[in-house]
Amino acid sequence: MGFTGVMYEGSFHVERKEAFIFELRRRLSAIFLACVCFSRRMSLTRMKQNRDFAAIASD
């Protein structure tokens, strides 16, 4: 009886740990994607500004 209780406790702990790792990876990938999108948008904005600046300079 006590042995199965220990086994159940151990497997439950492992499942909780896996769920925690899965959640952590999901959040990290979401943050990473947000950073990538943000940096892309910033570089696109910078390119657009440079193009506008070049157009002004050529005038």
Protein backbone atom coordinates (compact mmCIF):
# COMPACT_ATOMS: atom_id res chain seq x y z
CA MET A 1 0.00 0.00 0.00
CA GLY A 2 2.69 2.46 1.02
CA PHE A 3 4.85 1.47 -1.96
CA THR A 4 2.15 2.28 -4.53
CA GLY A 5 1.58 5.58 -2.73
CA VAL A 6 5.25 6.45 -3.17
CA MET A 7 5.15 5.40 -6.83
CA TYR A 8 2.08 7.54 -7.44
CA GLU A 9 3.67 10.51 -5.71
CA GLY A 10 6.81 10.12 -7.82
CA SER A 11 4.96 9.89 -11.15
CA PHE A 12 2.75 12.82 -10.19
CA HIS A 13 5.84 14.91 -9.43
CA VAL A 14 7.37 14.00 -12.81
CA GLU A 15 4.15 14.94 -14.64
CA ARG A 16 4.06 18.29 -12.86
CA LYS A 17 7.70 18.91 -13.76
CA GLU A 18 7.06 18.07 -17.44
CA ALA A 19 4.03 20.36 -17.51
CA PHE A 20 6.14 23.12 -15.96
CA ILE A 21 8.92 22.65 -18.53
CA PHE A 22 6.36 22.59 -21.35
CA GLU A 23 4.76 25.81 -20.09
CA LEU A 24 8.19 27.43 -19.70
CA ARG A 25 9.20 26.50 -23.27
CA ARG A 26 5.86 27.76 -24.60
CA ARG A 27 6.31 31.12 -22.87
CA LEU A 28 9.94 31.42 -23.98
CA SER A 29 9.03 30.73 -27.60
CA ALA A 30 6.21 33.30 -27.38
CA ILE A 31 8.63 35.92 -26.00
CA PHE A 32 11.19 35.00 -28.67
CA LEU A 33 8.60 35.39 -31.43
CA ALA A 34 7.53 38.75 -30.03
CA CYS A 35 11.16 39.93 -30.01
CA VAL A 36 11.70 38.75 -33.59
CA CYS A 37 8.54 40.48 -34.80
CA PHE A 38 9.46 43.66 -32.94
CA SER A 39 13.01 43.78 -34.32
CA ARG A 40 11.69 43.10 -37.84
CA ARG A 41 9.21 45.92 -37.54
CA MET A 42 11.93 48.23 -36.23
CA SER A 43 14.28 47.36 -39.10
CA LEU A 44 11.48 47.84 -41.63
CA THR A 45 10.68 51.24 -40.12
CA ARG A 46 14.36 52.16 -40.22
CA MET A 47 14.60 51.14 -43.90
CA LYS A 48 11.52 53.23 -44.71
CA GLN A 49 13.02 56.22 -42.89
CA ASN A 50 16.29 55.80 -44.79
CA ARG A 51 14.41 55.67 -48.08
CA ASP A 52 12.49 58.84 -47.19
CA PHE A 53 15.73 60.50 -46.14
CA ALA A 54 17.40 59.47 -49.41
CA ALA A 55 14.45 60.89 -51.37
CA ILE A 56 14.71 64.18 -49.48
CA ALA A 57 18.48 64.30 -49.97
CA SER A 58 18.20 63.66 -53.72
CA ASP A 59 15.83 66.62 -54.07
